[in-house]
């Protein structure tokens, strides 16, 4: 009997994150520390521009590569903030769309790429569609890239290194030393670096809009991925971009013609309002508030979890916390029984010792969650 679906689909698991969200629907008053998006709304200037554009009829397809005004603004921003102008640019349907296009453009079946563990889920599962092979790079216990581990992961089939900074799920920002190590290894083995910097404005080490260390300026085979979902809270608007070597971007554009066609038209034009100083001031205030929330969570959890289990987040809006007994999956189940939504670490890793917590929530929600999680960490009965 023929299989009703393609065999490749059997290699892709349903999202463990979505399972938690589905469970939340049956809860009366869940403490949601699982959501991976800002809890603030799209800034008003961007929403107003979206409404105007829609009313004026800007609702049709755009050029595959994106509208010229947005491409020009992105080119200038990358040049000014990251120190090198892109050879080419492509506006994509979210960073997820950019990842899919990049994988299909650079990987042949059987090609390997280095993926630091923990990792965001799409990096591993999208590889199965491209028939590429992720080689996990252990970054535990402090989520740092070590040269000896990186060197040991390289094989003749390695074609790329995938980075995410600030990182989901760990909240860590790559140091300049780590970036230099990755570039040196990539250059010696002639590898691409795919660097996802979607959380780049959420920097609690240098402050909002302080550029995070990036391979972009120093390494020409970097494919930079970023977008507007997190900074402008436009997760549902599906707007990202890719920048990098012209030959790779040309192939990504070709693929976009036959898949996504183009990124959403009104989102592209409306996003230009986000470059205005008034909107930037709003965003800087949001980042400062998240830095405060980061401290609130860290200081609240530290007495119960201890510094061996709790690495201080540096960016994005996540903590990746080790369960005191080393069983993150079981800890999540106990938390769910108390209607606290957190994500099992095994969703993001080959290990199951941790859980992910998001602090993109109100202070009241965070305090309720901290109190329950600390009770569970101390072994108090339900």
Protein backbone atom coordinates (compact mmCIF):
# COMPACT_ATOMS: atom_id res chain seq x y z
CA UNK A 1 0.00 0.00 0.00
CA UNK A 2 1.32 3.43 -0.91
CA UNK A 3 2.08 5.86 1.90
CA UNK A 4 -0.56 8.62 2.04
CA UNK A 5 2.11 11.27 2.70
CA UNK A 6 5.72 11.88 1.70
CA UNK A 7 8.31 9.93 3.66
CA UNK A 8 10.20 13.12 4.51
CA UNK A 9 7.31 14.23 6.71
CA UNK A 10 7.96 11.35 9.07
CA UNK A 11 11.31 12.91 9.94
CA UNK A 12 9.72 16.18 11.09
CA UNK A 13 8.14 16.28 14.53
CA UNK A 14 5.17 18.45 15.44
CA UNK A 15 6.31 21.50 17.39
CA UNK A 16 6.63 20.89 21.11
CA UNK A 17 6.01 24.61 21.59
CA UNK A 18 2.61 24.38 19.90
CA UNK A 19 1.65 21.46 22.16
CA UNK A 20 2.08 23.71 25.19
CA UNK A 21 -0.02 26.44 23.59
CA UNK A 22 -2.77 23.94 22.78
CA UNK A 23 -2.82 22.86 26.43
CA UNK A 24 -3.19 26.48 27.50
CA UNK A 25 -6.53 26.68 25.74
CA UNK A 26 -8.05 24.38 28.35
CA UNK A 27 -6.65 26.28 31.36
CA UNK A 28 -8.71 28.81 33.29
CA UNK A 29 -5.99 31.34 34.13
CA UNK A 30 -2.62 30.13 32.84
CA UNK A 31 0.61 31.88 33.79
CA UNK A 32 2.05 32.11 30.30
CA UNK A 33 5.85 32.16 30.35
CA UNK A 34 6.10 30.19 27.13
CA UNK A 35 5.22 32.67 24.42
CA UNK A 36 8.04 33.60 22.05
CA UNK A 37 6.92 37.06 21.06
CA UNK A 38 6.88 40.52 22.65
CA UNK A 39 3.91 41.25 24.86
CA UNK A 40 3.71 44.87 23.62
CA UNK A 41 1.71 45.74 20.51
CA UNK A 42 2.94 47.00 17.15
CA UNK A 43 3.92 50.67 17.65
CA UNK A 44 1.10 53.06 16.70
CA UNK A 45 2.99 54.81 13.85
CA UNK A 46 3.42 51.48 12.06
CA UNK A 47 -0.20 50.48 12.60
CA UNK A 48 -1.38 53.86 11.30
CA UNK A 49 0.76 53.47 8.19
CA UNK A 50 -0.61 49.97 7.62
CA UNK A 51 -4.17 51.29 7.77
CA UNK A 52 -3.39 54.14 5.36
CA UNK A 53 -1.67 51.86 2.86
CA UNK A 54 -4.50 49.35 2.89
CA UNK A 55 -7.10 52.08 2.40
CA UNK A 56 -5.04 53.54 -0.46
CA UNK A 57 -5.01 50.19 -2.24
CA UNK A 58 -1.41 49.07 -1.70
CA UNK A 59 -2.46 45.43 -1.51
CA UNK A 60 -0.98 43.73 -4.57
CA UNK A 61 2.20 41.75 -5.18
CA UNK A 62 5.53 43.51 -4.86
CA UNK A 63 8.78 42.67 -6.67
CA UNK A 64 10.10 39.34 -5.39
CA UNK A 65 13.14 40.96 -3.76
CA UNK A 66 11.03 43.55 -1.91
CA UNK A 67 9.97 47.17 -2.36
CA UNK A 68 12.82 49.50 -3.27
CA UNK A 69 12.26 51.89 -0.35
CA UNK A 70 12.61 49.13 2.26
CA UNK A 71 15.63 47.62 0.51
CA UNK A 72 17.33 51.03 0.53
CA UNK A 73 16.56 51.57 4.22
CA UNK A 74 17.88 48.12 5.13
CA UNK A 75 21.01 48.58 3.06
CA UNK A 76 21.80 51.82 4.86
CA UNK A 77 21.03 50.34 8.29
CA UNK A 78 23.28 47.32 7.74
CA UNK A 79 26.09 49.50 6.41
CA UNK A 80 25.88 52.00 9.27
CA UNK A 81 25.31 49.58 12.16
CA UNK A 82 27.32 46.55 11.03
CA UNK A 83 30.15 48.15 9.08
CA UNK A 84 29.80 46.56 5.63
CA UNK A 85 27.31 47.12 2.83
CA UNK A 86 25.52 43.99 1.56
CA UNK A 87 26.34 42.60 -1.85
CA UNK A 88 22.65 41.80 -2.17
CA UNK A 89 19.42 41.86 -0.16
CA UNK A 90 16.12 40.00 -0.15
CA UNK A 91 12.97 40.80 1.85
CA UNK A 92 11.43 37.52 3.02
CA UNK A 93 8.30 36.14 4.63
CA UNK A 94 9.79 36.20 8.11
CA UNK A 95 13.19 34.91 9.13
CA UNK A 96 11.73 31.40 8.94
CA UNK A 97 11.18 31.98 5.23
CA UNK A 98 14.74 33.26 4.89
CA UNK A 99 16.12 30.15 6.61
CA UNK A 100 14.22 27.82 4.30
CA UNK A 101 15.40 29.70 1.21
CA UNK A 102 19.02 29.82 2.41
CA UNK A 103 19.10 26.10 3.21
CA UNK A 104 17.68 25.17 -0.19
CA UNK A 105 20.11 27.52 -1.95
CA UNK A 106 23.34 26.29 -0.34
CA UNK A 107 22.88 22.67 0.77
CA UNK A 108 23.07 19.57 -1.37
CA UNK A 109 21.71 16.28 0.05
CA UNK A 110 24.13 14.97 2.65
CA UNK A 111 25.86 18.30 3.30
CA UNK A 112 26.50 18.95 6.98
CA UNK A 113 26.29 22.12 9.03
CA UNK A 114 27.36 22.91 12.58
CA UNK A 115 24.47 23.78 14.88
CA UNK A 116 25.17 24.95 18.45
CA UNK A 117 23.05 23.04 20.97
CA UNK A 118 20.65 24.39 22.35
CA UNK A 119 19.10 25.75 19.14
CA UNK A 120 15.83 27.18 17.86
CA UNK A 121 13.69 24.38 16.47
CA UNK A 122 13.47 25.46 12.82
CA UNK A 123 17.24 25.26 12.28
CA UNK A 124 17.16 21.51 12.73
CA UNK A 125 13.83 20.61 11.16
CA UNK A 126 14.14 22.80 8.06
CA UNK A 127 17.36 20.94 7.29
CA UNK A 128 15.35 17.77 6.71
CA UNK A 129 13.55 19.40 3.79
CA UNK A 130 16.91 20.30 2.24
CA UNK A 131 18.26 16.83 3.11
CA UNK A 132 21.12 18.48 4.99
CA UNK A 133 22.56 17.03 8.18
CA UNK A 134 22.84 19.13 11.37
CA UNK A 135 25.88 18.27 13.49
CA UNK A 136 25.16 19.40 17.04
CA UNK A 137 27.82 21.44 18.82
CA UNK A 138 27.60 21.05 22.61
CA UNK A 139 27.66 24.47 24.33
CA UNK A 140 26.66 23.34 27.83
CA UNK A 141 26.88 24.33 30.65
CA UNK A 142 27.23 28.06 29.91
CA UNK A 143 26.06 28.06 26.25
CA UNK A 144 29.43 29.20 24.89
CA UNK A 145 31.20 28.01 21.73
CA UNK A 146 34.54 26.36 22.48
CA UNK A 147 37.19 26.04 19.80
CA UNK A 148 38.09 22.43 20.55
CA UNK A 149 34.47 21.29 20.29
CA UNK A 150 33.95 23.27 17.09
CA UNK A 151 37.07 21.86 15.46
CA UNK A 152 36.04 18.32 16.41
CA UNK A 153 32.65 18.76 14.71
CA UNK A 154 34.10 19.68 11.28
CA UNK A 155 34.13 16.96 8.62
CA UNK A 156 34.79 16.98 4.85
CA UNK A 157 31.03 17.35 4.33
CA UNK A 158 30.67 20.47 6.50
CA UNK A 159 29.37 23.43 4.48
CA UNK A 160 28.12 25.96 7.03
CA UNK A 161 27.90 27.07 10.64
CA UNK A 162 24.52 28.33 11.90
CA UNK A 163 24.56 31.01 14.61
CA UNK A 164 21.80 32.79 16.52
CA UNK A 165 22.67 35.82 18.64
CA UNK A 166 20.98 36.93 20.85
CA UNK A 167 19.87 33.33 21.09
CA UNK A 168 16.57 31.56 21.42
CA UNK A 169 16.27 29.66 23.78
CA UNK A 170 19.26 30.66 25.94
CA UNK A 171 19.23 34.46 25.77
CA UNK A 172 23.00 34.49 25.25
CA UNK A 173 24.94 36.90 23.02
CA UNK A 174 28.03 35.63 21.24
CA UNK A 175 31.23 37.27 22.45
CA UNK A 176 33.70 38.80 20.02
CA UNK A 177 36.08 36.00 20.95
CA UNK A 178 33.51 33.38 19.93
CA UNK A 179 32.84 35.23 16.68
CA UNK A 180 36.58 35.40 15.92
CA UNK A 181 36.90 31.66 16.56
CA UNK A 182 33.98 30.83 14.27
CA UNK A 183 35.33 33.08 11.50
CA UNK A 184 38.80 31.57 11.72
CA UNK A 185 37.41 28.03 11.45
CA UNK A 186 34.96 28.98 8.70
CA UNK A 187 37.64 30.71 6.64
CA UNK A 188 40.05 27.79 6.96
CA UNK A 189 37.40 25.30 5.82
CA UNK A 190 35.66 27.63 3.32
CA UNK A 191 32.30 27.52 5.10
CA UNK A 192 29.25 29.74 5.03
CA UNK A 193 28.11 31.36 8.27
CA UNK A 194 24.34 31.76 8.60
CA UNK A 195 23.81 34.29 11.37
CA UNK A 196 20.27 34.88 12.65
CA UNK A 197 20.13 38.20 14.51
CA UNK A 198 16.35 38.63 14.75
CA UNK A 199 16.63 39.63 18.46
CA UNK A 200 19.49 42.07 17.88
CA UNK A 201 17.87 45.14 19.51
CA UNK A 202 17.19 43.20 22.72
CA UNK A 203 20.71 43.63 24.04
CA UNK A 204 21.03 43.95 27.83
CA UNK A 205 24.82 43.96 27.80
CA UNK A 206 25.33 47.05 25.66
CA UNK A 207 21.83 48.50 25.69
CA UNK A 208 19.22 48.91 22.95
CA UNK A 209 20.66 49.23 19.44
CA UNK A 210 24.21 48.62 20.60
CA UNK A 211 25.41 46.28 17.83
CA UNK A 212 25.90 42.71 19.01
CA UNK A 213 29.17 41.05 17.93
CA UNK A 214 28.58 39.63 14.47
CA UNK A 215 30.63 37.90 11.77
CA UNK A 216 29.06 40.16 9.14
CA UNK A 217 31.75 42.84 8.89
CA UNK A 218 34.77 40.53 8.90
CA UNK A 219 33.63 37.51 6.89
CA UNK A 220 32.32 37.84 3.34
CA UNK A 221 30.62 34.43 3.29
CA UNK A 222 28.20 35.46 6.03
CA UNK A 223 24.48 35.25 5.27
CA UNK A 224 22.80 37.68 7.66
CA UNK A 225 19.21 36.97 8.67
CA UNK A 226 16.99 39.35 10.59
CA UNK A 227 13.60 41.04 10.48
CA UNK A 228 10.85 42.94 12.23
CA UNK A 229 8.83 40.28 14.07
CA UNK A 230 10.49 40.82 17.45
CA UNK A 231 11.65 44.44 17.35
CA UNK A 232 8.34 45.83 16.04
CA UNK A 233 6.20 43.03 17.53
CA UNK A 234 5.08 42.22 13.99
CA UNK A 235 5.16 38.43 14.42
CA UNK A 236 1.96 37.90 12.44
CA UNK A 237 2.98 40.26 9.66
CA UNK A 238 5.74 37.86 8.45
CA UNK A 239 8.50 40.26 7.49
CA UNK A 240 12.20 39.40 7.50
CA UNK A 241 15.24 39.82 5.30
CA UNK A 242 18.45 38.17 4.21
CA UNK A 243 21.71 39.82 3.19
CA UNK A 244 24.84 38.21 1.83
CA UNK A 245 26.89 37.08 -1.15
CA UNK A 246 25.21 37.96 -4.44
CA UNK A 247 25.38 34.42 -5.95
CA UNK A 248 23.53 32.94 -2.94
CA UNK A 249 20.96 35.72 -2.76
CA UNK A 250 20.25 35.32 -6.49
CA UNK A 251 19.31 31.69 -5.91
CA UNK A 252 17.20 32.60 -2.88
CA UNK A 253 15.30 35.15 -4.99
CA UNK A 254 14.70 32.51 -7.65
CA UNK A 255 13.27 30.16 -5.04
CA UNK A 256 11.11 32.88 -3.53
CA UNK A 257 9.50 33.48 -6.93
CA UNK A 258 8.13 29.94 -6.89
CA UNK A 259 7.32 29.63 -3.19
CA UNK A 260 6.48 32.72 -1.12
CA UNK A 261 6.33 34.98 -4.24
CA UNK A 262 7.04 38.04 -2.09
CA UNK A 263 6.78 39.19 1.50
CA UNK A 264 3.43 40.80 2.47
CA UNK A 265 3.16 44.07 0.56
CA UNK A 266 1.60 46.37 3.16
CA UNK A 267 3.92 45.04 5.87
CA UNK A 268 6.94 46.02 3.76
CA UNK A 269 5.80 49.62 3.27
CA UNK A 270 4.41 50.04 6.80
CA UNK A 271 7.69 48.85 8.32
CA UNK A 272 9.36 51.99 6.98
CA UNK A 273 7.59 53.94 9.73
CA UNK A 274 9.66 51.90 12.18
CA UNK A 275 12.84 53.63 11.03
CA UNK A 276 11.55 57.05 12.17
CA UNK A 277 13.00 58.48 15.37
CA UNK A 278 9.65 58.61 17.15
CA UNK A 279 9.16 54.88 16.68
CA UNK A 280 12.76 54.18 17.64
CA UNK A 281 12.20 55.97 20.95
CA UNK A 282 9.22 53.71 21.64
CA UNK A 283 11.33 50.64 20.92
CA UNK A 284 14.20 51.80 23.12
CA UNK A 285 11.73 52.15 25.99
CA UNK A 286 10.48 48.60 25.37
CA UNK A 287 14.03 47.23 25.43
CA UNK A 288 14.79 49.06 28.69
CA UNK A 289 11.64 47.56 30.19
CA UNK A 290 12.70 44.06 29.12
CA UNK A 291 16.12 44.59 30.68
CA UNK A 292 14.31 45.36 33.93
CA UNK A 293 12.11 42.27 33.54
CA UNK A 294 15.22 40.18 32.91
CA UNK A 295 16.62 41.32 36.25
CA UNK A 296 13.28 40.73 37.98
CA UNK A 297 13.21 37.11 36.81
CA UNK A 298 16.88 36.44 37.49
CA UNK A 299 16.79 37.82 41.01
CA UNK A 300 13.50 36.05 41.70
CA UNK A 301 14.63 32.61 40.56
CA UNK A 302 18.22 32.68 41.79
CA UNK A 303 17.58 31.84 45.49
CA UNK A 304 15.64 28.67 44.60
CA UNK A 305 17.57 27.50 41.52
CA UNK A 306 21.12 28.69 42.28
CA UNK A 307 23.74 30.00 39.88
CA UNK A 308 24.67 26.51 38.66
CA UNK A 309 21.19 26.09 37.19
CA UNK A 310 20.49 29.67 36.13
CA UNK A 311 22.68 31.37 33.50
CA UNK A 312 21.94 35.09 33.35
CA UNK A 313 20.24 36.02 30.07
CA UNK A 314 22.02 38.69 28.00
CA UNK A 315 19.49 39.33 25.23
CA UNK A 316 16.21 38.33 23.58
CA UNK A 317 13.60 37.55 26.28
CA UNK A 318 14.42 34.05 27.47
CA UNK A 319 16.07 32.10 30.25
CA UNK A 320 17.14 28.49 29.67
CA UNK A 321 16.99 27.04 33.16
CA UNK A 322 18.26 23.70 34.44
CA UNK A 323 15.80 21.80 36.60
CA UNK A 324 17.33 21.24 40.07
CA UNK A 325 16.95 17.46 39.64
CA UNK A 326 18.24 17.49 36.06
CA UNK A 327 14.91 16.40 34.53
CA UNK A 328 13.53 19.39 32.68
CA UNK A 329 10.67 17.51 31.05
CA UNK A 330 9.33 16.30 34.41
CA UNK A 331 9.71 19.79 35.87
CA UNK A 332 7.63 21.22 33.00
CA UNK A 333 4.88 18.68 33.69
CA UNK A 334 4.79 19.74 37.35
CA UNK A 335 4.63 23.39 36.27
CA UNK A 336 1.81 22.67 33.84
CA UNK A 337 -0.13 21.06 36.68
CA UNK A 338 0.07 24.47 38.37
CA UNK A 339 -0.99 26.17 35.09
CA UNK A 340 2.45 27.69 34.49
CA UNK A 341 3.38 27.46 30.81
CA UNK A 342 7.07 26.87 30.16
CA UNK A 343 8.68 24.92 27.32
CA UNK A 344 10.65 21.66 27.78
CA UNK A 345 14.33 22.06 27.00
CA UNK A 346 14.22 18.87 24.97
CA UNK A 347 12.30 20.81 22.30
CA UNK A 348 15.48 22.84 21.69
CA UNK A 349 18.22 20.38 22.52
CA UNK A 350 19.57 16.86 22.54
CA UNK A 351 19.37 17.12 26.34
CA UNK A 352 16.26 17.16 28.52
CA UNK A 353 17.72 18.80 31.61
CA UNK A 354 16.41 22.34 31.08
CA UNK A 355 13.28 24.37 30.35
CA UNK A 356 12.76 27.66 28.51
CA UNK A 357 11.08 30.59 30.22
CA UNK A 358 10.02 33.78 28.43
CA UNK A 359 9.89 37.07 30.31
CA UNK A 360 7.84 38.78 27.58
CA UNK A 361 4.94 39.14 29.99
CA UNK A 362 3.46 41.54 32.51
CA UNK A 363 5.19 41.99 35.85
CA UNK A 364 2.18 40.44 37.58
CA UNK A 365 2.42 37.32 35.40
CA UNK A 366 6.17 37.10 35.98
CA UNK A 367 5.82 37.36 39.77
CA UNK A 368 3.13 34.69 39.84
CA UNK A 369 5.29 32.42 37.70
CA UNK A 370 8.43 33.04 39.76
CA UNK A 371 6.62 32.17 42.97
CA UNK A 372 5.28 28.85 41.63
CA UNK A 373 8.53 27.86 39.92
CA UNK A 374 10.48 28.53 43.10
CA UNK A 375 8.04 26.40 45.09
CA UNK A 376 8.54 23.56 42.61
CA UNK A 377 12.32 23.96 42.68
CA UNK A 378 12.28 23.68 46.46
CA UNK A 379 10.20 20.52 46.22
CA UNK A 380 7.06 21.87 47.84
CA UNK A 381 3.93 19.77 47.31
CA UNK A 382 1.33 20.82 44.78
